[in-house]
PDB file of N, CA and C in Angstrom:
ATOM      1  N   MET A   1      98.178 113.455 110.861  1.00  0.00           N
ATOM      2  CA  MET A   1      97.974 113.054 109.416  1.00  0.00           C
ATOM      3  C   MET A   1      97.648 113.671 108.410  1.00  0.00           C
ATOM      4  N   TYR A   2      97.999 113.741 108.018  1.00  0.00           N
ATOM      5  CA  TYR A   2      98.053 114.277 106.328  1.00  0.00           C
ATOM      6  C   TYR A   2      97.320 114.273 105.469  1.00  0.00           C
ATOM      7  N   GLN A   3      96.082 114.526 105.325  1.00  0.00           N
ATOM      8  CA  GLN A   3      95.371 114.025 103.668  1.00  0.00           C
ATOM      9  C   GLN A   3      95.851 113.684 102.653  1.00  0.00           C
ATOM     10  N   LEU A   4      95.760 112.194 102.102  1.00  0.00           N
ATOM     11  CA  LEU A   4      96.411 111.354 101.303  1.00  0.00           C
ATOM     12  C   LEU A   4      95.296 111.712  99.651  1.00  0.00           C
ATOM     13  N   ASP A   5      96.188 112.210  98.966  1.00  0.00           N
ATOM     14  CA  ASP A   5      95.626 111.904  97.614  1.00  0.00           C
ATOM     15  C   ASP A   5      95.445 111.064  96.645  1.00  0.00           C
ATOM     16  N   LYS A   6      95.529 110.807  95.784  1.00  0.00           N
ATOM     17  CA  LYS A   6      95.391 109.674  94.607  1.00  0.00           C
ATOM     18  C   LYS A   6      96.848 109.499  94.390  1.00  0.00           C
ATOM     19  N   TYR A   7      97.834 110.566  94.512  1.00  0.00           N
ATOM     20  CA  TYR A   7      99.141 110.411  94.346  1.00  0.00           C
ATOM     21  C   TYR A   7      99.421 109.786  95.443  1.00  0.00           C
ATOM     22  N   ASP A   8      99.036 110.033  96.744  1.00  0.00           N
ATOM     23  CA  ASP A   8      99.814 109.356  97.685  1.00  0.00           C
ATOM     24  C   ASP A   8      99.695 107.425  97.856  1.00  0.00           C
ATOM     25  N   HIS A   9      98.458 107.744  97.464  1.00  0.00           N
ATOM     26  CA  HIS A   9      97.352 106.063  97.391  1.00  0.00           C
ATOM     27  C   HIS A   9      98.532 105.316  95.988  1.00  0.00           C
ATOM     28  N   MET A  10      99.095 105.720  95.074  1.00  0.00           N
ATOM     29  CA  MET A  10      99.772 105.993  94.165  1.00  0.00           C
ATOM     30  C   MET A  10     101.134 105.062  94.688  1.00  0.00           C
ATOM     31  N   ILE A  11     101.605 105.623  95.163  1.00  0.00           N
ATOM     32  CA  ILE A  11     102.697 105.426  96.027  1.00  0.00           C
ATOM     33  C   ILE A  11     102.713 103.756  96.823  1.00  0.00           C
ATOM     34  N   LEU A  12     101.772 104.118  98.025  1.00  0.00           N
ATOM     35  CA  LEU A  12     101.267 103.134  98.369  1.00  0.00           C
ATOM     36  C   LEU A  12     100.780 101.908  97.332  1.00  0.00           C
ATOM     37  N   ASP A  13     100.638 101.972  96.721  1.00  0.00           N
ATOM     38  CA  ASP A  13     100.168 100.835  95.471  1.00  0.00           C
ATOM     39  C   ASP A  13     101.185 100.483  94.923  1.00  0.00           C
ATOM     40  N   ILE A  14     102.291 101.223  94.548  1.00  0.00           N
ATOM     41  CA  ILE A  14     103.999 100.814  93.987  1.00  0.00           C
ATOM     42  C   ILE A  14     104.478  99.499  94.857  1.00  0.00           C
ATOM     43  N   VAL A  15     104.473 100.292  96.285  1.00  0.00           N
ATOM     44  CA  VAL A  15     105.204  99.473  96.477  1.00  0.00           C
ATOM     45  C   VAL A  15     104.487  98.161  97.174  1.00  0.00           C
ATOM     46  N   GLN A  16     103.463  98.315  97.273  1.00  0.00           N
ATOM     47  CA  GLN A  16     102.150  96.821  98.046  1.00  0.00           C
ATOM     48  C   GLN A  16     102.772  95.818  96.530  1.00  0.00           C
ATOM     49  N   SER A  17     102.179  96.371  95.206  1.00  0.00           N
ATOM     50  CA  SER A  17     102.076  95.802  94.360  1.00  0.00           C
ATOM     51  C   SER A  17     103.659  94.959  93.856  1.00  0.00           C
ATOM     52  N   HIS A  18     104.881  95.765  93.951  1.00  0.00           N
ATOM     53  CA  HIS A  18     106.451  95.261  94.316  1.00  0.00           C
ATOM     54  C   HIS A  18     106.291  94.149  94.873  1.00  0.00           C
ATOM     55  N   LYS A  19     105.917  94.617  96.494  1.00  0.00           N
ATOM     56  CA  LYS A  19     105.657  93.376  97.194  1.00  0.00           C
ATOM     57  C   LYS A  19     105.190  91.840  97.094  1.00  0.00           C
ATOM     58  N   ASN A  20     104.457  92.198  96.242  1.00  0.00           N
ATOM     59  CA  ASN A  20     103.465  90.581  95.974  1.00  0.00           C
ATOM     60  C   ASN A  20     104.063  90.431  94.415  1.00  0.00           C
ATOM     61  N   GLU A  21     104.552  91.169  93.582  1.00  0.00           N
ATOM     62  CA  GLU A  21     105.038  90.244  92.170  1.00  0.00           C
ATOM     63  C   GLU A  21     106.509  89.997  92.651  1.00  0.00           C
ATOM     64  N   PHE A  22     107.733  90.241  93.509  1.00  0.00           N
ATOM     65  CA  PHE A  22     108.992  90.169  94.275  1.00  0.00           C
ATOM     66  C   PHE A  22     109.079  89.485  95.445  1.00  0.00           C
ATOM     67  N   ASN A  23     107.629  89.335  96.075  1.00  0.00           N
ATOM     68  CA  ASN A  23     108.799  88.930  96.987  1.00  0.00           C
ATOM     69  C   ASN A  23     109.645  89.525  98.260  1.00  0.00           C
ATOM     70  N   ALA A  24     109.771  91.177  97.786  1.00  0.00           N
ATOM     71  CA  ALA A  24     110.967  91.619  98.176  1.00  0.00           C
ATOM     72  C   ALA A  24     110.547  93.205  98.496  1.00  0.00           C
ATOM     73  N   ASN A  25     111.177  94.061  99.748  1.00  0.00           N
ATOM     74  CA  ASN A  25     110.703  95.281  99.809  1.00  0.00           C
ATOM     75  C   ASN A  25     111.201  95.978  98.350  1.00  0.00           C
ATOM     76  N   ILE A  26     110.818  97.356  98.290  1.00  0.00           N
ATOM     77  CA  ILE A  26     111.196  98.201  96.598  1.00  0.00           C
ATOM     78  C   ILE A  26     112.565  99.383  96.986  1.00  0.00           C
ATOM     79  N   ARG A  27     113.696  99.485  96.391  1.00  0.00           N
ATOM     80  CA  ARG A  27     114.163 100.317  96.579  1.00  0.00           C
ATOM     81  C   ARG A  27     113.903 101.651  96.609  1.00  0.00           C
ATOM     82  N   LEU A  28     114.529 102.554  96.893  1.00  0.00           N
ATOM     83  CA  LEU A  28     113.960 104.222  96.660  1.00  0.00           C
ATOM     84  C   LEU A  28     113.667 104.528  95.558  1.00  0.00           C
ATOM     85  N   ALA A  29     114.740 103.947  94.475  1.00  0.00           N
ATOM     86  CA  ALA A  29     115.197 104.310  93.292  1.00  0.00           C
ATOM     87  C   ALA A  29     114.138 103.799  92.203  1.00  0.00           C
ATOM     88  N   VAL A  30     114.012 102.664  92.272  1.00  0.00           N
ATOM     89  CA  VAL A  30     112.552 101.772  91.569  1.00  0.00           C
ATOM     90  C   VAL A  30     111.682 102.349  91.827  1.00  0.00           C
ATOM     91  N   LEU A  31     111.113 102.957  93.191  1.00  0.00           N
ATOM     92  CA  LEU A  31     109.839 103.339  93.675  1.00  0.00           C
ATOM     93  C   LEU A  31     109.826 105.006  92.414  1.00  0.00           C
ATOM     94  N   GLU A  32     110.964 105.693  93.143  1.00  0.00           N
ATOM     95  CA  GLU A  32     110.547 106.880  92.435  1.00  0.00           C
ATOM     96  C   GLU A  32     110.337 106.618  90.702  1.00  0.00           C
ATOM     97  N   ARG A  33     110.962 105.332  90.157  1.00  0.00           N
ATOM     98  CA  ARG A  33     110.708 105.542  88.114  1.00  0.00           C
ATOM     99  C   ARG A  33     109.587 104.729  88.577  1.00  0.00           C
ATOM    100  N   ASN A  34     108.981 104.277  89.130  1.00  0.00           N
ATOM    101  CA  ASN A  34     107.760 103.511  88.722  1.00  0.00           C
ATOM    102  C   ASN A  34     106.661 104.432  88.896  1.00  0.00           C
ATOM    103  N   PHE A  35     106.762 105.546  89.964  1.00  0.00           N
ATOM    104  CA  PHE A  35     105.928 106.417  90.154  1.00  0.00           C
ATOM    105  C   PHE A  35     106.232 107.197  88.932  1.00  0.00           C
ATOM    106  N   TRP A  36     107.111 107.978  88.474  1.00  0.00           N
ATOM    107  CA  TRP A  36     106.990 108.719  87.508  1.00  0.00           C
ATOM    108  C   TRP A  36     106.651 107.890  85.663  1.00  0.00           C
ATOM    109  N   LYS A  37     106.787 106.834  85.901  1.00  0.00           N
ATOM    110  CA  LYS A  37     106.019 106.282  84.735  1.00  0.00           C
ATOM    111  C   LYS A  37     104.730 105.885  84.299  1.00  0.00           C
ATOM    112  N   ARG A  38     104.321 106.454  86.222  1.00  0.00           N
ATOM    113  CA  ARG A  38     102.458 106.093  86.070  1.00  0.00           C
ATOM    114  C   ARG A  38     101.947 107.205  85.652  1.00  0.00           C
ATOM    115  N   ILE A  39     103.146 108.429  86.466  1.00  0.00           N
ATOM    116  CA  ILE A  39     102.020 109.540  85.778  1.00  0.00           C
ATOM    117  C   ILE A  39     102.436 110.536  85.008  1.00  0.00           C
ATOM    118  N   GLU A  40     103.357 110.009  84.015  1.00  0.00           N
ATOM    119  CA  GLU A  40     103.790 110.523  82.713  1.00  0.00           C
ATOM    120  C   GLU A  40     102.582 111.112  82.059  1.00  0.00           C
ATOM    121  N   ALA A  41     101.806 110.357  82.392  1.00  0.00           N
ATOM    122  CA  ALA A  41     100.508 110.990  80.910  1.00  0.00           C
ATOM    123  C   ALA A  41      99.392 111.472  81.734  1.00  0.00           C
ATOM    124  N   ASP A  42      99.614 111.833  82.964  1.00  0.00           N
ATOM    125  CA  ASP A  42      98.783 112.689  83.528  1.00  0.00           C
ATOM    126  C   ASP A  42      98.635 114.150  83.478  1.00  0.00           C
ATOM    127  N   THR A  43      97.992 115.287  83.021  1.00  0.00           N
ATOM    128  CA  THR A  43      98.412 116.106  82.810  1.00  0.00           C
ATOM    129  C   THR A  43      97.874 116.930  83.827  1.00  0.00           C
ATOM    130  N   ASP A  44      97.243 116.301  84.945  1.00  0.00           N
ATOM    131  CA  ASP A  44      96.835 117.471  85.942  1.00  0.00           C
ATOM    132  C   ASP A  44      97.853 117.507  86.871  1.00  0.00           C
ATOM    133  N   LEU A  45      98.848 116.895  86.725  1.00  0.00           N
ATOM    134  CA  LEU A  45      99.903 116.647  88.132  1.00  0.00           C
ATOM    135  C   LEU A  45     101.339 117.634  87.311  1.00  0.00           C
ATOM    136  N   ASN A  46     101.922 118.739  88.073  1.00  0.00           N
ATOM    137  CA  ASN A  46     103.175 118.857  87.174  1.00  0.00           C
ATOM    138  C   ASN A  46     104.481 118.821  88.428  1.00  0.00           C
ATOM    139  N   VAL A  47     105.255 118.550  87.582  1.00  0.00           N
ATOM    140  CA  VAL A  47     106.729 118.284  88.431  1.00  0.00           C
ATOM    141  C   VAL A  47     106.715 118.945  89.898  1.00  0.00           C
ATOM    142  N   GLY A  48     106.751 120.338  89.634  1.00  0.00           N
ATOM    143  CA  GLY A  48     106.712 121.002  91.718  1.00  0.00           C
ATOM    144  C   GLY A  48     105.614 119.959  91.980  1.00  0.00           C
ATOM    145  N   GLN A  49     104.311 119.609  91.568  1.00  0.00           N
ATOM    146  CA  GLN A  49     103.381 118.994  92.630  1.00  0.00           C
ATOM    147  C   GLN A  49     103.640 117.665  92.660  1.00  0.00           C
ATOM    148  N   ALA A  50     104.262 116.697  92.524  1.00  0.00           N
ATOM    149  CA  ALA A  50     104.801 115.315  92.482  1.00  0.00           C
ATOM    150  C   ALA A  50     105.041 115.285  93.550  1.00  0.00           C
ATOM    151  N   ARG A  51     106.589 115.759  94.024  1.00  0.00           N
ATOM    152  CA  ARG A  51     107.661 115.912  95.185  1.00  0.00           C
ATOM    153  C   ARG A  51     107.342 114.898  95.966  1.00  0.00           C
ATOM    154  N   ILE A  52     107.977 113.657  95.087  1.00  0.00           N
ATOM    155  CA  ILE A  52     107.645 112.113  95.556  1.00  0.00           C
ATOM    156  C   ILE A  52     108.341 111.725  96.797  1.00  0.00           C
ATOM    157  N   GLY A  53     109.676 113.138  97.142  1.00  0.00           N
ATOM    158  CA  GLY A  53     110.692 112.941  98.390  1.00  0.00           C
ATOM    159  C   GLY A  53     109.811 113.175  99.430  1.00  0.00           C
ATOM    160  N   GLU A  54     109.234 114.417  99.460  1.00  0.00           N
ATOM    161  CA  GLU A  54     108.295 114.783 100.109  1.00  0.00           C
ATOM    162  C   GLU A  54     107.062 113.853 100.520  1.00  0.00           C
ATOM    163  N   ARG A  55     106.097 113.077  99.758  1.00  0.00           N
ATOM    164  CA  ARG A  55     105.246 112.192  99.972  1.00  0.00           C
ATOM    165  C   ARG A  55     105.693 111.138 100.623  1.00  0.00           C
ATOM    166  N   ILE A  56     106.896 110.521  99.795  1.00  0.00           N
ATOM    167  CA  ILE A  56     107.750 109.443 100.572  1.00  0.00           C
ATOM    168  C   ILE A  56     107.683 109.677 102.297  1.00  0.00           C
ATOM    169  N   THR A  57     108.086 111.121 102.684  1.00  0.00           N
ATOM    170  CA  THR A  57     108.870 111.075 103.446  1.00  0.00           C
ATOM    171  C   THR A  57     107.324 111.343 104.905  1.00  0.00           C
ATOM    172  N   ASN A  58     106.415 111.551 104.283  1.00  0.00           N
ATOM    173  CA  ASN A  58     105.603 112.514 105.074  1.00  0.00           C
ATOM    174  C   ASN A  58     104.227 110.505 105.103  1.00  0.00           C
ATOM    175  N   LEU A  59     104.711 110.021 104.108  1.00  0.00           N
ATOM    176  CA  LEU A  59     103.915 108.600 104.753  1.00  0.00           C
ATOM    177  C   LEU A  59     104.194 107.513 105.839  1.00  0.00           C
ATOM    178  N   TYR A  60     106.218 107.549 105.206  1.00  0.00           N
ATOM    179  CA  TYR A  60     107.052 107.638 106.713  1.00  0.00           C
ATOM    180  C   TYR A  60     105.985 108.086 108.111  1.00  0.00           C
ATOM    181  N   LEU A  61     106.399 109.464 107.969  1.00  0.00           N
ATOM    182  CA  LEU A  61     106.048 109.413 109.393  1.00  0.00           C
ATOM    183  C   LEU A  61     104.717 109.747 109.803  1.00  0.00           C
ATOM    184  N   ASP A  62     103.699 109.006 108.590  1.00  0.00           N
ATOM    185  CA  ASP A  62     102.641 108.582 109.147  1.00  0.00           C
ATOM    186  C   ASP A  62     102.318 107.511 109.548  1.00  0.00           C
ATOM    187  N   GLY A  63     103.378 106.315 109.199  1.00  0.00           N
ATOM    188  CA  GLY A  63     103.584 105.147 109.846  1.00  0.00           C
ATOM    189  C   GLY A  63     102.765 104.745 109.006  1.00  0.00           C
ATOM    190  N   LEU A  64     102.803 104.626 107.429  1.00  0.00           N
ATOM    191  CA  LEU A  64     101.956 104.006 106.514  1.00  0.00           C
ATOM    192  C   LEU A  64     103.199 103.158 105.641  1.00  0.00           C
ATOM    193  N   VAL A  65     104.575 102.974 105.800  1.00  0.00           N
ATOM    194  CA  VAL A  65     105.073 102.623 104.761  1.00  0.00           C
ATOM    195  C   VAL A  65     106.508 102.601 106.253  1.00  0.00           C
ATOM    196  N   GLN A  66     107.462 101.956 105.888  1.00  0.00           N
ATOM    197  CA  GLN A  66     108.696 101.926 106.541  1.00  0.00           C
ATOM    198  C   GLN A  66     109.822 101.056 105.939  1.00  0.00           C
ATOM    199  N   ASN A  67     110.999 101.780 106.720  1.00  0.00           N
ATOM    200  CA  ASN A  67     112.245 101.329 105.420  1.00  0.00           C
ATOM    201  C   ASN A  67     113.166 100.618 106.105  1.00  0.00           C
ATOM    202  N   ARG A  68     112.834  99.378 105.699  1.00  0.00           N
ATOM    203  CA  ARG A  68     114.189  98.613 106.060  1.00  0.00           C
ATOM    204  C   ARG A  68     114.773  97.652 105.081  1.00  0.00           C
ATOM    205  N   ASN A  69     115.627  97.962 104.904  1.00  0.00           N
ATOM    206  CA  ASN A  69     116.355  97.762 103.484  1.00  0.00           C
ATOM    207  C   ASN A  69     115.607  97.636 102.293  1.00  0.00           C
ATOM    208  N   GLY A  70     114.699  98.648 102.060  1.00  0.00           N
ATOM    209  CA  GLY A  70     113.834  98.559 101.300  1.00  0.00           C
ATOM    210  C   GLY A  70     112.690  99.564 101.736  1.00  0.00           C
ATOM    211  N   TYR A  71     111.711  99.796 101.027  1.00  0.00           N
ATOM    212  CA  TYR A  71     109.959 100.105 101.373  1.00  0.00           C
ATOM    213  C   TYR A  71     109.069  99.313 101.776  1.00  0.00           C
ATOM    214  N   THR A  72     108.260  99.213 102.676  1.00  0.00           N
ATOM    215  CA  THR A  72     106.988  98.268 102.572  1.00  0.00           C
ATOM    216  C   THR A  72     106.385  99.042 103.427  1.00  0.00           C
ATOM    217  N   LEU A  73     105.202  98.498 103.500  1.00  0.00           N
ATOM    218  CA  LEU A  73     103.588  98.614 103.619  1.00  0.00           C
ATOM    219  C   LEU A  73     103.566  98.445 105.005  1.00  0.00           C
ATOM    220  N   THR A  74     103.002  99.545 105.971  1.00  0.00           N
ATOM    221  CA  THR A  74     102.605  98.783 107.530  1.00  0.00           C
ATOM    222  C   THR A  74     101.315  98.491 107.414  1.00  0.00           C
ATOM    223  N   LYS A  75     100.941  97.796 108.695  1.00  0.00           N
ATOM    224  CA  LYS A  75      99.376  97.301 108.676  1.00  0.00           C
ATOM    225  C   LYS A  75      98.809  98.655 108.222  1.00  0.00           C
ATOM    226  N   SER A  76      98.895  99.853 108.668  1.00  0.00           N
ATOM    227  CA  SER A  76      98.079 101.151 108.659  1.00  0.00           C
ATOM    228  C   SER A  76      98.050 100.885 106.964  1.00  0.00           C
ATOM    229  N   GLY A  77      99.540 101.460 106.387  1.00  0.00           N
ATOM    230  CA  GLY A  77      99.024 101.143 104.955  1.00  0.00           C
ATOM    231  C   GLY A  77      98.520 100.665 104.259  1.00  0.00           C
ATOM    232  N   ARG A  78      98.799  99.522 104.387  1.00  0.00           N
ATOM    233  CA  ARG A  78      97.636  98.113 103.542  1.00  0.00           C
ATOM    234  C   ARG A  78      96.053  98.259 103.666  1.00  0.00           C
ATOM    235  N   GLN A  79      95.771  98.583 105.147  1.00  0.00           N
ATOM    236  CA  GLN A  79      94.503  99.218 105.316  1.00  0.00           C
ATOM    237  C   GLN A  79      94.353 100.552 104.695  1.00  0.00           C
ATOM    238  N   GLN A  80      95.175 101.628 104.610  1.00  0.00           N
ATOM    239  CA  GLN A  80      94.702 102.824 103.505  1.00  0.00           C
ATOM    240  C   GLN A  80      94.465 102.564 102.443  1.00  0.00           C
ATOM    241  N   LEU A  81      95.706 101.813 102.133  1.00  0.00           N
ATOM    242  CA  LEU A  81      95.130 101.225 100.739  1.00  0.00           C
ATOM    243  C   LEU A  81      94.024 100.769  99.833  1.00  0.00           C
ATOM    244  N   ALA A  82      93.396 100.336 101.288  1.00  0.00           N
ATOM    245  CA  ALA A  82      92.125  99.495 100.673  1.00  0.00           C
ATOM    246  C   ALA A  82      90.951 100.671 100.446  1.00  0.00           C
ATOM    247  N   HIS A  83      91.473 102.386 100.848  1.00  0.00           N
ATOM    248  CA  HIS A  83      90.659 103.281 100.955  1.00  0.00           C
ATOM    249  C   HIS A  83      90.944 104.274  99.233  1.00  0.00           C
ATOM    250  N   ALA A  84      91.717 103.388  98.812  1.00  0.00           N
ATOM    251  CA  ALA A  84      92.415 103.973  97.161  1.00  0.00           C
ATOM    252  C   ALA A  84      90.870 104.871  96.492  1.00  0.00           C
ATOM    253  N   PRO A  85      90.604 105.587  95.643  1.00  0.00           N
ATOM    254  CA  PRO A  85      90.223 105.901  94.928  1.00  0.00           C
ATOM    255  C   PRO A  85      89.630 105.086  93.625  1.00  0.00           C
ATOM    256  N   TRP A  86      90.190 104.424  93.279  1.00  0.00           N
ATOM    257  CA  TRP A  86      90.607 103.478  92.041  1.00  0.00           C
ATOM    258  C   TRP A  86      89.980 101.918  92.819  1.00  0.00           C
ATOM    259  N   MET A  87      90.100 102.127  93.933  1.00  0.00           N
ATOM    260  CA  MET A  87      89.611 100.651  94.252  1.00  0.00           C
ATOM    261  C   MET A  87      88.015 101.118  94.775  1.00  0.00           C
ATOM    262  N   LYS A  88      87.965 101.958  95.353  1.00  0.00           N
ATOM    263  CA  LYS A  88      86.291 102.440  96.033  1.00  0.00           C
ATOM    264  C   LYS A  88      85.094 101.989  94.038  1.00  0.00           C
ATOM    265  N   SER A  89      86.141 102.449  93.137  1.00  0.00           N
ATOM    266  CA  SER A  89      85.153 102.367  91.824  1.00  0.00           C
ATOM    267  C   SER A  89      85.100 100.798  91.359  1.00  0.00           C
ATOM    268  N   SER A  90      86.284  99.981  92.034  1.00  0.00           N
ATOM    269  CA  SER A  90      85.992  98.916  91.254  1.00  0.00           C
ATOM    270  C   SER A  90      85.512  97.613  92.435  1.00  0.00           C
ATOM    271  N   GLN A  91      85.005  97.916  93.656  1.00  0.00           N
ATOM    272  CA  GLN A  91      84.012  97.543  94.747  1.00  0.00           C
ATOM    273  C   GLN A  91      82.844  97.383  94.262  1.00  0.00           C
ATOM    274  N   VAL A  92      82.782  98.844  93.525  1.00  0.00           N
ATOM    275  CA  VAL A  92      80.725  98.629  93.729  1.00  0.00           C
ATOM    276  C   VAL A  92      80.060  98.435  93.181  1.00  0.00           C
ATOM    277  N   ALA A  93      81.088  97.029  91.840  1.00  0.00           N
ATOM    278  CA  ALA A  93      80.317  96.721  91.350  1.00  0.00           C
ATOM    279  C   ALA A  93      79.722  95.361  91.511  1.00  0.00           C
TER     280      ALA A  93
END
């Protein structure tokens, strides 16, 4: 399993948020669009570093997401999302 960064956690969050909001799995095109919308103001990341396809593939291979007529989180993915960098700071308060 490779080390997840904030952008990997962001993908997990997008997948879970879509599931919560629409009660449906997210399609790849929607996932990519939402990812680019979230990072468009992020000056720390360039297009080469984003590699969204590679990130999704790694999350799939690590068993954090599954693709069954759209992407959804596995149990491991939901557990990993709980460790997202922005979650830690909000849970401290």
